[in-house]
């Protein structure tokens, strides 16, 4: 096998892997940054929060499940 063909093959494989990984990386970053924009207004203390019955944040959903309150969040 000629020695000069091996580096070009490696370069080709590196390029293929990079171009295949690029869309996956962009998709992952995009999914991580795509948020509804909701933020907690009561420092994650749902029991004393006035909007905990309609809040869609995970800690509010967990609080409603734990306390048996109805899940009224739409979305």
C-alpha atoms as a PDB file:
ATOM      1  CA  UNK A   1       0.000   0.000   0.000  1.00  0.00           C
ATOM      2  CA  UNK A   2       1.500   3.381  -0.925  1.00  0.00           C
ATOM      3  CA  UNK A   3       2.321   5.590   2.042  1.00  0.00           C
ATOM      4  CA  UNK A   4       0.982   8.830   0.566  1.00  0.00           C
ATOM      5  CA  UNK A   5      -2.551   7.427   0.144  1.00  0.00           C
ATOM      6  CA  UNK A   6      -2.956   6.777   3.876  1.00  0.00           C
ATOM      7  CA  UNK A   7      -2.820  10.430   5.031  1.00  0.00           C
ATOM      8  CA  UNK A   8      -5.374  11.481   2.439  1.00  0.00           C
ATOM      9  CA  UNK A   9      -7.688   8.685   3.574  1.00  0.00           C
ATOM     10  CA  UNK A  10      -7.307   9.846   7.165  1.00  0.00           C
ATOM     11  CA  UNK A  11      -8.036  13.405   6.156  1.00  0.00           C
ATOM     12  CA  UNK A  12     -11.104  12.247   4.271  1.00  0.00           C
ATOM     13  CA  UNK A  13     -12.397  10.252   7.236  1.00  0.00           C
ATOM     14  CA  UNK A  14     -11.765  13.166   9.609  1.00  0.00           C
ATOM     15  CA  UNK A  15     -13.700  15.466   7.301  1.00  0.00           C
ATOM     16  CA  UNK A  16     -16.593  13.018   7.074  1.00  0.00           C
ATOM     17  CA  UNK A  17     -16.772  12.696  10.851  1.00  0.00           C
ATOM     18  CA  UNK A  18     -16.584  16.461  11.354  1.00  0.00           C
ATOM     19  CA  UNK A  19     -19.310  17.177   8.810  1.00  0.00           C
ATOM     20  CA  UNK A  20     -21.496  14.431  10.247  1.00  0.00           C
ATOM     21  CA  UNK A  21     -21.021  15.711  13.801  1.00  0.00           C
ATOM     22  CA  UNK A  22     -21.643  19.367  12.971  1.00  0.00           C
ATOM     23  CA  UNK A  23     -25.451  19.098  12.445  1.00  0.00           C
ATOM     24  CA  UNK A  24     -25.782  16.963  15.567  1.00  0.00           C
ATOM     25  CA  UNK A  25     -23.897  19.547  17.598  1.00  0.00           C
ATOM     26  CA  UNK A  26     -25.929  22.438  16.192  1.00  0.00           C
ATOM     27  CA  UNK A  27     -29.169  20.554  16.850  1.00  0.00           C
ATOM     28  CA  UNK A  28     -28.194  19.756  20.410  1.00  0.00           C
ATOM     29  CA  UNK A  29     -27.218  23.338  21.188  1.00  0.00           C
ATOM     30  CA  UNK A  30     -30.400  24.591  19.544  1.00  0.00           C
ATOM     31  CA  UNK A  31     -32.565  22.249  21.583  1.00  0.00           C
ATOM     32  CA  UNK A  32     -30.816  23.251  24.780  1.00  0.00           C
ATOM     33  CA  UNK A  33     -31.292  26.964  24.140  1.00  0.00           C
ATOM     34  CA  UNK A  34     -34.882  26.710  22.946  1.00  0.00           C
ATOM     35  CA  UNK A  35     -36.815  27.462  26.113  1.00  0.00           C
ATOM     36  CA  UNK A  36     -40.196  28.993  26.790  1.00  0.00           C
ATOM     37  CA  UNK A  37     -38.588  31.805  28.698  1.00  0.00           C
ATOM     38  CA  UNK A  38     -40.294  31.000  31.977  1.00  0.00           C
ATOM     39  CA  UNK A  39     -38.297  31.727  35.087  1.00  0.00           C
ATOM     40  CA  UNK A  40     -39.117  31.093  38.699  1.00  0.00           C
ATOM     41  CA  UNK A  41     -40.297  34.234  40.485  1.00  0.00           C
ATOM     42  CA  UNK A  42     -40.243  32.751  43.984  1.00  0.00           C
ATOM     43  CA  UNK A  43     -36.830  31.045  44.224  1.00  0.00           C
ATOM     44  CA  UNK A  44     -38.335  27.562  43.634  1.00  0.00           C
ATOM     45  CA  UNK A  45     -40.529  27.613  46.768  1.00  0.00           C
ATOM     46  CA  UNK A  46     -43.762  26.506  45.150  1.00  0.00           C
ATOM     47  CA  UNK A  47     -45.797  26.160  48.344  1.00  0.00           C
ATOM     48  CA  UNK A  48     -45.824  29.934  48.888  1.00  0.00           C
ATOM     49  CA  UNK A  49     -45.987  30.971  45.230  1.00  0.00           C
ATOM     50  CA  UNK A  50     -49.159  32.536  43.899  1.00  0.00           C
ATOM     51  CA  UNK A  51     -48.745  31.174  40.382  1.00  0.00           C
ATOM     52  CA  UNK A  52     -47.768  27.593  41.221  1.00  0.00           C
ATOM     53  CA  UNK A  53     -51.135  26.266  40.038  1.00  0.00           C
ATOM     54  CA  UNK A  54     -50.554  27.462  36.473  1.00  0.00           C
ATOM     55  CA  UNK A  55     -46.741  27.408  36.329  1.00  0.00           C
ATOM     56  CA  UNK A  56     -45.161  25.095  33.785  1.00  0.00           C
ATOM     57  CA  UNK A  57     -41.723  24.781  35.326  1.00  0.00           C
ATOM     58  CA  UNK A  58     -40.647  21.255  36.313  1.00  0.00           C
ATOM     59  CA  UNK A  59     -40.497  22.016  40.039  1.00  0.00           C
ATOM     60  CA  UNK A  60     -44.073  23.378  39.960  1.00  0.00           C
ATOM     61  CA  UNK A  61     -45.306  20.307  38.090  1.00  0.00           C
ATOM     62  CA  UNK A  62     -43.604  18.096  40.663  1.00  0.00           C
ATOM     63  CA  UNK A  63     -45.101  20.138  43.516  1.00  0.00           C
ATOM     64  CA  UNK A  64     -48.614  19.748  42.091  1.00  0.00           C
ATOM     65  CA  UNK A  65     -48.108  16.004  41.674  1.00  0.00           C
ATOM     66  CA  UNK A  66     -46.805  15.656  45.233  1.00  0.00           C
ATOM     67  CA  UNK A  67     -49.606  17.697  46.793  1.00  0.00           C
ATOM     68  CA  UNK A  68     -52.383  16.272  44.640  1.00  0.00           C
ATOM     69  CA  UNK A  69     -53.280  19.616  43.093  1.00  0.00           C
ATOM     70  CA  UNK A  70     -54.813  19.620  39.644  1.00  0.00           C
ATOM     71  CA  UNK A  71     -52.494  20.293  36.735  1.00  0.00           C
ATOM     72  CA  UNK A  72     -54.026  23.308  35.009  1.00  0.00           C
ATOM     73  CA  UNK A  73     -51.036  24.237  32.853  1.00  0.00           C
ATOM     74  CA  UNK A  74     -51.886  24.247  29.162  1.00  0.00           C
ATOM     75  CA  UNK A  75     -49.042  23.927  26.739  1.00  0.00           C
END
